[in-house]
Structures are given as C-alpha cells and as structure tokens.
C-alpha cells in the first residue's frame, strides 16, 4: 500500500536573530571550500580581488542569514557548515526548497528583495559579497563568468528534479532519492561509503519532501525493517542495500 502523501506543515517559530558574527576579511588561500566553489575558477589576481570584496560571516546553529522580503544587496558563498533555504506561506506553513553546503552559492538569481529565507542548520561560515562590485569583477573575468553560468544551469536542473520529486514520486521514492542524492552535496566532509550525514531534522526533511513528519518517520522505519538502511543516530544513516534503494528511487519497486 502506498504511503499517504498529504503534505501538512505546522506553523514555524521565527528564526533566531542572534548568533551571527561578522569578521572583516577572508583568507581565500586557506578556505577549504575554494576548490568546490565559484572562487575555484579565479586566477590569483581575481582571487585577491574576491578576497578583498568578501566579508566573512559566522553563523550559529539556527541563526538567520537572510529573510524573505528583506532588501537583497548581497550574494553569498558558503564555506563551511550547512543551511536550509525555505519559503513561508501566509498561514505559517514552510516549504524547504533546498539544503546548501560548502561550495554552494546563494543569491545569484535574486532581484531587489530576497524571495526566500536561509538559516544555518549547524555552525556555518559564509563569505558575503555586495552585488555591484561582485558583478563588476565577474564581468571582467571570463573564467568566473563561465563558472557562474555553469552553476546557474545546475540550479535550474536541480529545480526541475525537485518538481519531479514533489509532483510524481511516492513517499518511499522521495525518501530513497533524497538519501542517495544527499552525500554528493557535502563533498568537503566525505564519509565512509553508504554513510549519510543528516544535519537536518526529521521535520526539515518532511518540509523538503512535501510530507508530514509522521510519514517521514514511518518510511524510515519501513526502510529499516526491510534492511535497506540502519540508523545509528539521529544525525547519521547507513545505506545497507544501495541497489535496492536505487530501485525504490526510480520507481522500479
């Protein structure tokens, strides 16, 4: 029997306004996310200019980086940790649209105001750039411009995959797809084969997959009983039968 797909979202508390520390400068040479981010395409002179433009922000778990509806003067590059990106409906329901990790850029396709909110799921660091100077630098650096175009194309593909995930897949197919896809988004913290880090809570997974938290718990238990996964802790999961999980993700079972 298929698991019910009724998306029910509980009203969420406002994000924490504290927990944000700002530093004056960045050190691109020691940044662990450099090779994975747009900055990796910059040659030494452009990298120096990027470093001069960047303001490093340290976020505590739960702290808000940006809020929906606020003026959007900045672009962000995540250098460590992880963030949840979401939109709120007028009645307080939340739809998480993505989880971002080191190397991800935020705000590339934003207008004059932020159309979503972003909060830290754990202690995180972010480089912040003012849009105007950043765009001038990119316009004069073909490698950076090419990398940004490539990132934008990947974001569009990810949005299309998310539409498919929410629109056509069953609950177990959504969860299987999520668990198989998640490790590839956090390459600065590699884990043993089959191990999946879960910095997000069960409710956040539910809000991302368009399910209830009860359905998420039920599907994970069902997978565990079938021997597809094991759950050593709330923040870690092990895929025991990857081929079987892939069959669930593709709808073959």
C-alpha atoms as a PDB file:
ATOM      1  CA  UNK A   1       0.000   0.000   0.000  1.00  0.00           C
ATOM      2  CA  UNK A   2       1.380   3.416  -0.911  1.00  0.00           C
ATOM      3  CA  UNK A   3       2.178   5.760   1.933  1.00  0.00           C
ATOM      4  CA  UNK A   4      -0.065   8.811   2.114  1.00  0.00           C
ATOM      5  CA  UNK A   5       1.472  11.886   0.547  1.00  0.00           C
ATOM      6  CA  UNK A   6      -0.542  14.535   2.324  1.00  0.00           C
ATOM      7  CA  UNK A   7       1.818  17.482   2.870  1.00  0.00           C
ATOM      8  CA  UNK A   8       0.922  19.039   6.210  1.00  0.00           C
ATOM      9  CA  UNK A   9       3.111  21.795   7.571  1.00  0.00           C
ATOM     10  CA  UNK A  10       2.972  23.071  11.134  1.00  0.00           C
ATOM     11  CA  UNK A  11       3.487  26.795  11.806  1.00  0.00           C
ATOM     12  CA  UNK A  12       7.163  27.504  12.430  1.00  0.00           C
ATOM     13  CA  UNK A  13       8.743  29.747  15.053  1.00  0.00           C
ATOM     14  CA  UNK A  14      10.580  32.800  13.738  1.00  0.00           C
ATOM     15  CA  UNK A  15      14.288  32.314  13.001  1.00  0.00           C
ATOM     16  CA  UNK A  16      16.821  33.367  15.567  1.00  0.00           C
ATOM     17  CA  UNK A  17      18.016  36.901  15.040  1.00  0.00           C
ATOM     18  CA  UNK A  18      21.185  36.384  17.057  1.00  0.00           C
ATOM     19  CA  UNK A  19      24.056  34.011  16.529  1.00  0.00           C
ATOM     20  CA  UNK A  20      25.720  35.996  13.747  1.00  0.00           C
ATOM     21  CA  UNK A  21      29.309  37.211  13.993  1.00  0.00           C
ATOM     22  CA  UNK A  22      30.899  39.304  11.247  1.00  0.00           C
ATOM     23  CA  UNK A  23      34.600  39.401  10.520  1.00  0.00           C
ATOM     24  CA  UNK A  24      36.427  41.952   8.411  1.00  0.00           C
ATOM     25  CA  UNK A  25      38.281  39.865   5.858  1.00  0.00           C
ATOM     26  CA  UNK A  26      38.626  36.411   4.325  1.00  0.00           C
ATOM     27  CA  UNK A  27      41.633  34.216   3.663  1.00  0.00           C
ATOM     28  CA  UNK A  28      40.981  32.522   0.308  1.00  0.00           C
ATOM     29  CA  UNK A  29      44.264  30.591   0.438  1.00  0.00           C
ATOM     30  CA  UNK A  30      43.129  28.575   3.463  1.00  0.00           C
ATOM     31  CA  UNK A  31      39.456  28.195   2.512  1.00  0.00           C
ATOM     32  CA  UNK A  32      38.511  24.512   2.396  1.00  0.00           C
ATOM     33  CA  UNK A  33      35.604  25.207   0.023  1.00  0.00           C
ATOM     34  CA  UNK A  34      37.644  27.120  -2.553  1.00  0.00           C
ATOM     35  CA  UNK A  35      38.122  24.197  -4.948  1.00  0.00           C
ATOM     36  CA  UNK A  36      34.393  23.425  -4.855  1.00  0.00           C
ATOM     37  CA  UNK A  37      33.000  26.928  -5.273  1.00  0.00           C
ATOM     38  CA  UNK A  38      32.883  29.586  -7.953  1.00  0.00           C
ATOM     39  CA  UNK A  39      36.067  31.018  -6.442  1.00  0.00           C
ATOM     40  CA  UNK A  40      37.965  27.974  -7.681  1.00  0.00           C
ATOM     41  CA  UNK A  41      37.764  29.343 -11.224  1.00  0.00           C
ATOM     42  CA  UNK A  42      39.540  32.576 -10.309  1.00  0.00           C
ATOM     43  CA  UNK A  43      43.205  33.159 -11.119  1.00  0.00           C
ATOM     44  CA  UNK A  44      45.442  34.718  -8.478  1.00  0.00           C
ATOM     45  CA  UNK A  45      44.672  38.398  -9.250  1.00  0.00           C
ATOM     46  CA  UNK A  46      40.910  37.769  -9.347  1.00  0.00           C
ATOM     47  CA  UNK A  47      41.112  35.639  -6.215  1.00  0.00           C
ATOM     48  CA  UNK A  48      42.803  38.509  -4.432  1.00  0.00           C
ATOM     49  CA  UNK A  49      40.019  40.851  -5.564  1.00  0.00           C
ATOM     50  CA  UNK A  50      37.400  38.373  -4.370  1.00  0.00           C
ATOM     51  CA  UNK A  51      39.106  38.183  -1.001  1.00  0.00           C
ATOM     52  CA  UNK A  52      39.130  41.974  -0.783  1.00  0.00           C
ATOM     53  CA  UNK A  53      35.395  42.084  -1.535  1.00  0.00           C
ATOM     54  CA  UNK A  54      34.400  39.308   0.865  1.00  0.00           C
ATOM     55  CA  UNK A  55      33.119  39.736   4.389  1.00  0.00           C
ATOM     56  CA  UNK A  56      33.201  36.520   6.430  1.00  0.00           C
ATOM     57  CA  UNK A  57      30.096  35.762   8.485  1.00  0.00           C
ATOM     58  CA  UNK A  58      29.961  33.092  11.165  1.00  0.00           C
ATOM     59  CA  UNK A  59      26.529  31.680  11.962  1.00  0.00           C
ATOM     60  CA  UNK A  60      25.488  29.683  14.995  1.00  0.00           C
ATOM     61  CA  UNK A  61      23.009  26.856  14.556  1.00  0.00           C
ATOM     62  CA  UNK A  62      19.535  28.272  13.904  1.00  0.00           C
ATOM     63  CA  UNK A  63      20.753  31.779  13.040  1.00  0.00           C
ATOM     64  CA  UNK A  64      19.172  33.522  10.044  1.00  0.00           C
ATOM     65  CA  UNK A  65      21.434  34.619   7.195  1.00  0.00           C
ATOM     66  CA  UNK A  66      18.671  36.260   5.147  1.00  0.00           C
ATOM     67  CA  UNK A  67      14.912  36.661   5.481  1.00  0.00           C
ATOM     68  CA  UNK A  68      12.275  36.618   2.786  1.00  0.00           C
ATOM     69  CA  UNK A  69      11.106  40.111   1.773  1.00  0.00           C
ATOM     70  CA  UNK A  70      14.186  41.968   3.001  1.00  0.00           C
ATOM     71  CA  UNK A  71      16.341  44.049   0.606  1.00  0.00           C
ATOM     72  CA  UNK A  72      18.825  41.827  -1.251  1.00  0.00           C
ATOM     73  CA  UNK A  73      22.121  43.686  -1.672  1.00  0.00           C
ATOM     74  CA  UNK A  74      24.384  40.651  -1.197  1.00  0.00           C
ATOM     75  CA  UNK A  75      25.485  37.359  -2.732  1.00  0.00           C
ATOM     76  CA  UNK A  76      26.828  34.579  -0.509  1.00  0.00           C
ATOM     77  CA  UNK A  77      29.313  31.725  -0.813  1.00  0.00           C
ATOM     78  CA  UNK A  78      29.022  29.015   1.847  1.00  0.00           C
ATOM     79  CA  UNK A  79      32.448  27.932   3.062  1.00  0.00           C
ATOM     80  CA  UNK A  80      31.550  25.516   5.882  1.00  0.00           C
ATOM     81  CA  UNK A  81      28.511  24.009   7.558  1.00  0.00           C
ATOM     82  CA  UNK A  82      25.040  23.813   6.028  1.00  0.00           C
ATOM     83  CA  UNK A  83      21.956  25.987   5.506  1.00  0.00           C
ATOM     84  CA  UNK A  84      18.265  25.380   4.876  1.00  0.00           C
ATOM     85  CA  UNK A  85      16.519  27.573   2.294  1.00  0.00           C
ATOM     86  CA  UNK A  86      12.757  27.969   2.587  1.00  0.00           C
ATOM     87  CA  UNK A  87       9.632  29.981   1.880  1.00  0.00           C
ATOM     88  CA  UNK A  88       6.782  30.658   4.281  1.00  0.00           C
ATOM     89  CA  UNK A  89       3.115  30.676   3.306  1.00  0.00           C
ATOM     90  CA  UNK A  90       0.838  33.343   4.840  1.00  0.00           C
ATOM     91  CA  UNK A  91      -0.543  30.816   7.351  1.00  0.00           C
ATOM     92  CA  UNK A  92       2.940  29.944   8.624  1.00  0.00           C
ATOM     93  CA  UNK A  93       3.472  26.712   6.686  1.00  0.00           C
ATOM     94  CA  UNK A  94       7.037  26.192   5.498  1.00  0.00           C
ATOM     95  CA  UNK A  95       8.334  24.682   2.275  1.00  0.00           C
ATOM     96  CA  UNK A  96      12.058  23.993   2.313  1.00  0.00           C
ATOM     97  CA  UNK A  97      13.366  24.390  -1.217  1.00  0.00           C
ATOM     98  CA  UNK A  98      16.925  23.223  -0.650  1.00  0.00           C
ATOM     99  CA  UNK A  99      19.804  22.346   1.647  1.00  0.00           C
ATOM    100  CA  UNK A 100      23.099  24.096   0.891  1.00  0.00           C
ATOM    101  CA  UNK A 101      26.628  23.084   1.859  1.00  0.00           C
ATOM    102  CA  UNK A 102      30.216  24.311   1.500  1.00  0.00           C
ATOM    103  CA  UNK A 103      30.903  25.439  -2.053  1.00  0.00           C
ATOM    104  CA  UNK A 104      27.309  26.462  -2.792  1.00  0.00           C
ATOM    105  CA  UNK A 105      26.460  30.000  -3.869  1.00  0.00           C
ATOM    106  CA  UNK A 106      23.322  31.748  -2.663  1.00  0.00           C
ATOM    107  CA  UNK A 107      21.573  34.735  -4.224  1.00  0.00           C
ATOM    108  CA  UNK A 108      22.747  34.517  -7.830  1.00  0.00           C
ATOM    109  CA  UNK A 109      19.262  34.889  -9.330  1.00  0.00           C
ATOM    110  CA  UNK A 110      17.668  37.224  -6.779  1.00  0.00           C
ATOM    111  CA  UNK A 111      16.031  40.577  -7.573  1.00  0.00           C
ATOM    112  CA  UNK A 112      15.773  43.606  -5.308  1.00  0.00           C
ATOM    113  CA  UNK A 113      14.415  41.632  -2.353  1.00  0.00           C
ATOM    114  CA  UNK A 114      15.067  38.112  -1.090  1.00  0.00           C
ATOM    115  CA  UNK A 115      12.353  35.705  -2.218  1.00  0.00           C
ATOM    116  CA  UNK A 116      13.279  33.090   0.405  1.00  0.00           C
ATOM    117  CA  UNK A 117      14.860  32.779   3.836  1.00  0.00           C
ATOM    118  CA  UNK A 118      18.080  30.969   4.734  1.00  0.00           C
ATOM    119  CA  UNK A 119      19.129  29.694   8.159  1.00  0.00           C
ATOM    120  CA  UNK A 120      22.095  27.737   9.466  1.00  0.00           C
ATOM    121  CA  UNK A 121      21.348  24.111  10.377  1.00  0.00           C
ATOM    122  CA  UNK A 122      24.661  23.947  12.250  1.00  0.00           C
ATOM    123  CA  UNK A 123      27.593  26.255  12.931  1.00  0.00           C
ATOM    124  CA  UNK A 124      28.486  27.640   9.490  1.00  0.00           C
ATOM    125  CA  UNK A 125      30.653  30.232   7.767  1.00  0.00           C
ATOM    126  CA  UNK A 126      29.712  32.296   4.733  1.00  0.00           C
ATOM    127  CA  UNK A 127      31.532  34.799   2.541  1.00  0.00           C
ATOM    128  CA  UNK A 128      29.317  37.774   1.721  1.00  0.00           C
ATOM    129  CA  UNK A 129      29.781  39.993  -1.357  1.00  0.00           C
ATOM    130  CA  UNK A 130      27.974  43.163  -2.336  1.00  0.00           C
ATOM    131  CA  UNK A 131      26.222  42.577  -5.654  1.00  0.00           C
ATOM    132  CA  UNK A 132      27.534  45.611  -7.533  1.00  0.00           C
ATOM    133  CA  UNK A 133      31.294  45.119  -7.021  1.00  0.00           C
ATOM    134  CA  UNK A 134      30.912  41.344  -7.405  1.00  0.00           C
ATOM    135  CA  UNK A 135      29.163  41.701 -10.766  1.00  0.00           C
ATOM    136  CA  UNK A 136      31.822  44.127 -11.994  1.00  0.00           C
ATOM    137  CA  UNK A 137      34.530  41.621 -11.104  1.00  0.00           C
ATOM    138  CA  UNK A 138      32.681  38.766 -12.831  1.00  0.00           C
ATOM    139  CA  UNK A 139      32.101  40.846 -15.965  1.00  0.00           C
ATOM    140  CA  UNK A 140      35.863  41.307 -16.254  1.00  0.00           C
ATOM    141  CA  UNK A 141      36.782  37.678 -15.538  1.00  0.00           C
ATOM    142  CA  UNK A 142      35.693  35.158 -18.226  1.00  0.00           C
ATOM    143  CA  UNK A 143      36.577  32.121 -16.038  1.00  0.00           C
ATOM    144  CA  UNK A 144      34.388  33.391 -13.200  1.00  0.00           C
ATOM    145  CA  UNK A 145      31.593  34.294 -15.611  1.00  0.00           C
ATOM    146  CA  UNK A 146      31.697  30.819 -17.149  1.00  0.00           C
ATOM    147  CA  UNK A 147      31.650  29.165 -13.724  1.00  0.00           C
ATOM    148  CA  UNK A 148      28.647  31.234 -12.616  1.00  0.00           C
ATOM    149  CA  UNK A 149      26.773  30.311 -15.786  1.00  0.00           C
ATOM    150  CA  UNK A 150      27.537  26.663 -15.134  1.00  0.00           C
ATOM    151  CA  UNK A 151      26.297  26.971 -11.544  1.00  0.00           C
ATOM    152  CA  UNK A 152      23.098  28.653 -12.698  1.00  0.00           C
ATOM    153  CA  UNK A 153      22.464  25.801 -15.151  1.00  0.00           C
ATOM    154  CA  UNK A 154      22.921  23.280 -12.345  1.00  0.00           C
ATOM    155  CA  UNK A 155      20.464  25.231 -10.160  1.00  0.00           C
ATOM    156  CA  UNK A 156      17.838  25.057 -12.917  1.00  0.00           C
ATOM    157  CA  UNK A 157      18.377  21.310 -13.286  1.00  0.00           C
ATOM    158  CA  UNK A 158      18.055  20.881  -9.521  1.00  0.00           C
ATOM    159  CA  UNK A 159      14.798  22.846  -9.534  1.00  0.00           C
ATOM    160  CA  UNK A 160      13.421  20.574 -12.269  1.00  0.00           C
ATOM    161  CA  UNK A 161      14.417  17.474 -10.288  1.00  0.00           C
ATOM    162  CA  UNK A 162      12.692  18.884  -7.202  1.00  0.00           C
ATOM    163  CA  UNK A 163       9.497  19.435  -9.206  1.00  0.00           C
ATOM    164  CA  UNK A 164       9.596  15.796 -10.281  1.00  0.00           C
ATOM    165  CA  UNK A 165      10.293  14.675  -6.715  1.00  0.00           C
ATOM    166  CA  UNK A 166       7.291  16.544  -5.314  1.00  0.00           C
ATOM    167  CA  UNK A 167       4.926  16.049  -8.214  1.00  0.00           C
ATOM    168  CA  UNK A 168       5.226  12.415  -9.238  1.00  0.00           C
ATOM    169  CA  UNK A 169       7.061  10.286  -6.702  1.00  0.00           C
ATOM    170  CA  UNK A 170       5.599   8.329  -3.806  1.00  0.00           C
ATOM    171  CA  UNK A 171       6.807   8.868  -0.254  1.00  0.00           C
ATOM    172  CA  UNK A 172       9.286   5.987  -0.306  1.00  0.00           C
ATOM    173  CA  UNK A 173      10.558   7.063  -3.748  1.00  0.00           C
ATOM    174  CA  UNK A 174      11.101  10.603  -2.449  1.00  0.00           C
ATOM    175  CA  UNK A 175      12.979   9.411   0.616  1.00  0.00           C
ATOM    176  CA  UNK A 176      15.127   6.983  -1.370  1.00  0.00           C
ATOM    177  CA  UNK A 177      16.030   9.707  -3.878  1.00  0.00           C
ATOM    178  CA  UNK A 178      16.879  12.107  -1.066  1.00  0.00           C
ATOM    179  CA  UNK A 179      19.147   9.661   0.779  1.00  0.00           C
ATOM    180  CA  UNK A 180      21.018   8.687  -2.383  1.00  0.00           C
ATOM    181  CA  UNK A 181      21.472  12.294  -3.511  1.00  0.00           C
ATOM    182  CA  UNK A 182      22.398  13.992  -0.222  1.00  0.00           C
ATOM    183  CA  UNK A 183      26.047  12.818   0.270  1.00  0.00           C
ATOM    184  CA  UNK A 184      27.105  14.304  -3.062  1.00  0.00           C
ATOM    185  CA  UNK A 185      26.109  17.782  -1.898  1.00  0.00           C
ATOM    186  CA  UNK A 186      28.576  17.894   1.001  1.00  0.00           C
ATOM    187  CA  UNK A 187      31.952  16.910  -0.538  1.00  0.00           C
ATOM    188  CA  UNK A 188      34.109  18.808   1.970  1.00  0.00           C
ATOM    189  CA  UNK A 189      33.081  16.274   4.627  1.00  0.00           C
ATOM    190  CA  UNK A 190      33.349  12.885   2.935  1.00  0.00           C
ATOM    191  CA  UNK A 191      32.152   9.860   4.847  1.00  0.00           C
ATOM    192  CA  UNK A 192      32.511   6.116   4.504  1.00  0.00           C
ATOM    193  CA  UNK A 193      30.634   4.505   1.606  1.00  0.00           C
ATOM    194  CA  UNK A 194      26.940   4.274   2.380  1.00  0.00           C
ATOM    195  CA  UNK A 195      27.098   6.677   5.322  1.00  0.00           C
ATOM    196  CA  UNK A 196      24.765   9.675   5.102  1.00  0.00           C
ATOM    197  CA  UNK A 197      25.184  12.722   7.360  1.00  0.00           C
ATOM    198  CA  UNK A 198      21.862  14.279   8.360  1.00  0.00           C
ATOM    199  CA  UNK A 199      22.457  17.801   9.697  1.00  0.00           C
ATOM    200  CA  UNK A 200      18.751  18.482   9.157  1.00  0.00           C
ATOM    201  CA  UNK A 201      15.969  17.374  11.494  1.00  0.00           C
ATOM    202  CA  UNK A 202      13.178  14.975  10.537  1.00  0.00           C
ATOM    203  CA  UNK A 203      10.730  17.867  10.285  1.00  0.00           C
ATOM    204  CA  UNK A 204      13.041  19.650   7.846  1.00  0.00           C
ATOM    205  CA  UNK A 205      13.253  16.539   5.682  1.00  0.00           C
ATOM    206  CA  UNK A 206       9.449  16.445   5.722  1.00  0.00           C
ATOM    207  CA  UNK A 207       9.198  20.086   4.681  1.00  0.00           C
ATOM    208  CA  UNK A 208      11.647  19.478   1.846  1.00  0.00           C
ATOM    209  CA  UNK A 209       9.950  16.334   0.535  1.00  0.00           C
ATOM    210  CA  UNK A 210       6.405  17.670   0.909  1.00  0.00           C
ATOM    211  CA  UNK A 211       5.458  15.038   3.501  1.00  0.00           C
ATOM    212  CA  UNK A 212       4.371  15.026   7.124  1.00  0.00           C
ATOM    213  CA  UNK A 213       6.933  14.296   9.819  1.00  0.00           C
ATOM    214  CA  UNK A 214       4.883  11.201  10.687  1.00  0.00           C
ATOM    215  CA  UNK A 215       5.209   9.934   7.115  1.00  0.00           C
ATOM    216  CA  UNK A 216       8.972  10.552   7.130  1.00  0.00           C
ATOM    217  CA  UNK A 217       9.352   8.557  10.358  1.00  0.00           C
ATOM    218  CA  UNK A 218       7.118   5.788   9.022  1.00  0.00           C
ATOM    219  CA  UNK A 219       9.038   5.500   5.742  1.00  0.00           C
ATOM    220  CA  UNK A 220      12.413   5.425   7.525  1.00  0.00           C
ATOM    221  CA  UNK A 221      11.121   2.693   9.841  1.00  0.00           C
ATOM    222  CA  UNK A 222       9.821   0.744   6.847  1.00  0.00           C
ATOM    223  CA  UNK A 223      13.216   1.022   5.139  1.00  0.00           C
ATOM    224  CA  UNK A 224      14.948  -0.103   8.312  1.00  0.00           C
ATOM    225  CA  UNK A 225      12.684  -3.140   8.713  1.00  0.00           C
ATOM    226  CA  UNK A 226      13.379  -4.095   5.091  1.00  0.00           C
ATOM    227  CA  UNK A 227      17.111  -3.930   5.754  1.00  0.00           C
ATOM    228  CA  UNK A 228      17.639  -1.068   3.292  1.00  0.00           C
ATOM    229  CA  UNK A 229      19.130   1.235   5.923  1.00  0.00           C
ATOM    230  CA  UNK A 230      20.335   1.321   9.506  1.00  0.00           C
ATOM    231  CA  UNK A 231      20.109   4.370  11.769  1.00  0.00           C
ATOM    232  CA  UNK A 232      22.951   4.517  14.315  1.00  0.00           C
ATOM    233  CA  UNK A 233      21.970   8.043  15.435  1.00  0.00           C
ATOM    234  CA  UNK A 234      19.616  10.920  14.668  1.00  0.00           C
ATOM    235  CA  UNK A 235      22.322  12.603  12.592  1.00  0.00           C
ATOM    236  CA  UNK A 236      23.619   9.599  10.677  1.00  0.00           C
ATOM    237  CA  UNK A 237      22.155   6.903   8.471  1.00  0.00           C
ATOM    238  CA  UNK A 238      23.792   3.971   6.679  1.00  0.00           C
ATOM    239  CA  UNK A 239      22.547   2.671   3.344  1.00  0.00           C
ATOM    240  CA  UNK A 240      22.860  -1.107   3.673  1.00  0.00           C
ATOM    241  CA  UNK A 241      21.395  -2.101   0.288  1.00  0.00           C
ATOM    242  CA  UNK A 242      22.163   0.708  -2.195  1.00  0.00           C
ATOM    243  CA  UNK A 243      20.970  -1.146  -5.302  1.00  0.00           C
ATOM    244  CA  UNK A 244      17.612  -1.878  -3.704  1.00  0.00           C
ATOM    245  CA  UNK A 245      17.342   1.754  -2.597  1.00  0.00           C
ATOM    246  CA  UNK A 246      18.078   2.909  -6.140  1.00  0.00           C
ATOM    247  CA  UNK A 247      15.274   0.674  -7.405  1.00  0.00           C
ATOM    248  CA  UNK A 248      12.893   2.376  -4.978  1.00  0.00           C
ATOM    249  CA  UNK A 249      14.131   5.820  -6.055  1.00  0.00           C
ATOM    250  CA  UNK A 250      13.492   5.061  -9.734  1.00  0.00           C
ATOM    251  CA  UNK A 251      10.065   3.564  -9.093  1.00  0.00           C
ATOM    252  CA  UNK A 252      11.076   0.050 -10.170  1.00  0.00           C
ATOM    253  CA  UNK A 253       9.625  -1.483  -6.978  1.00  0.00           C
END
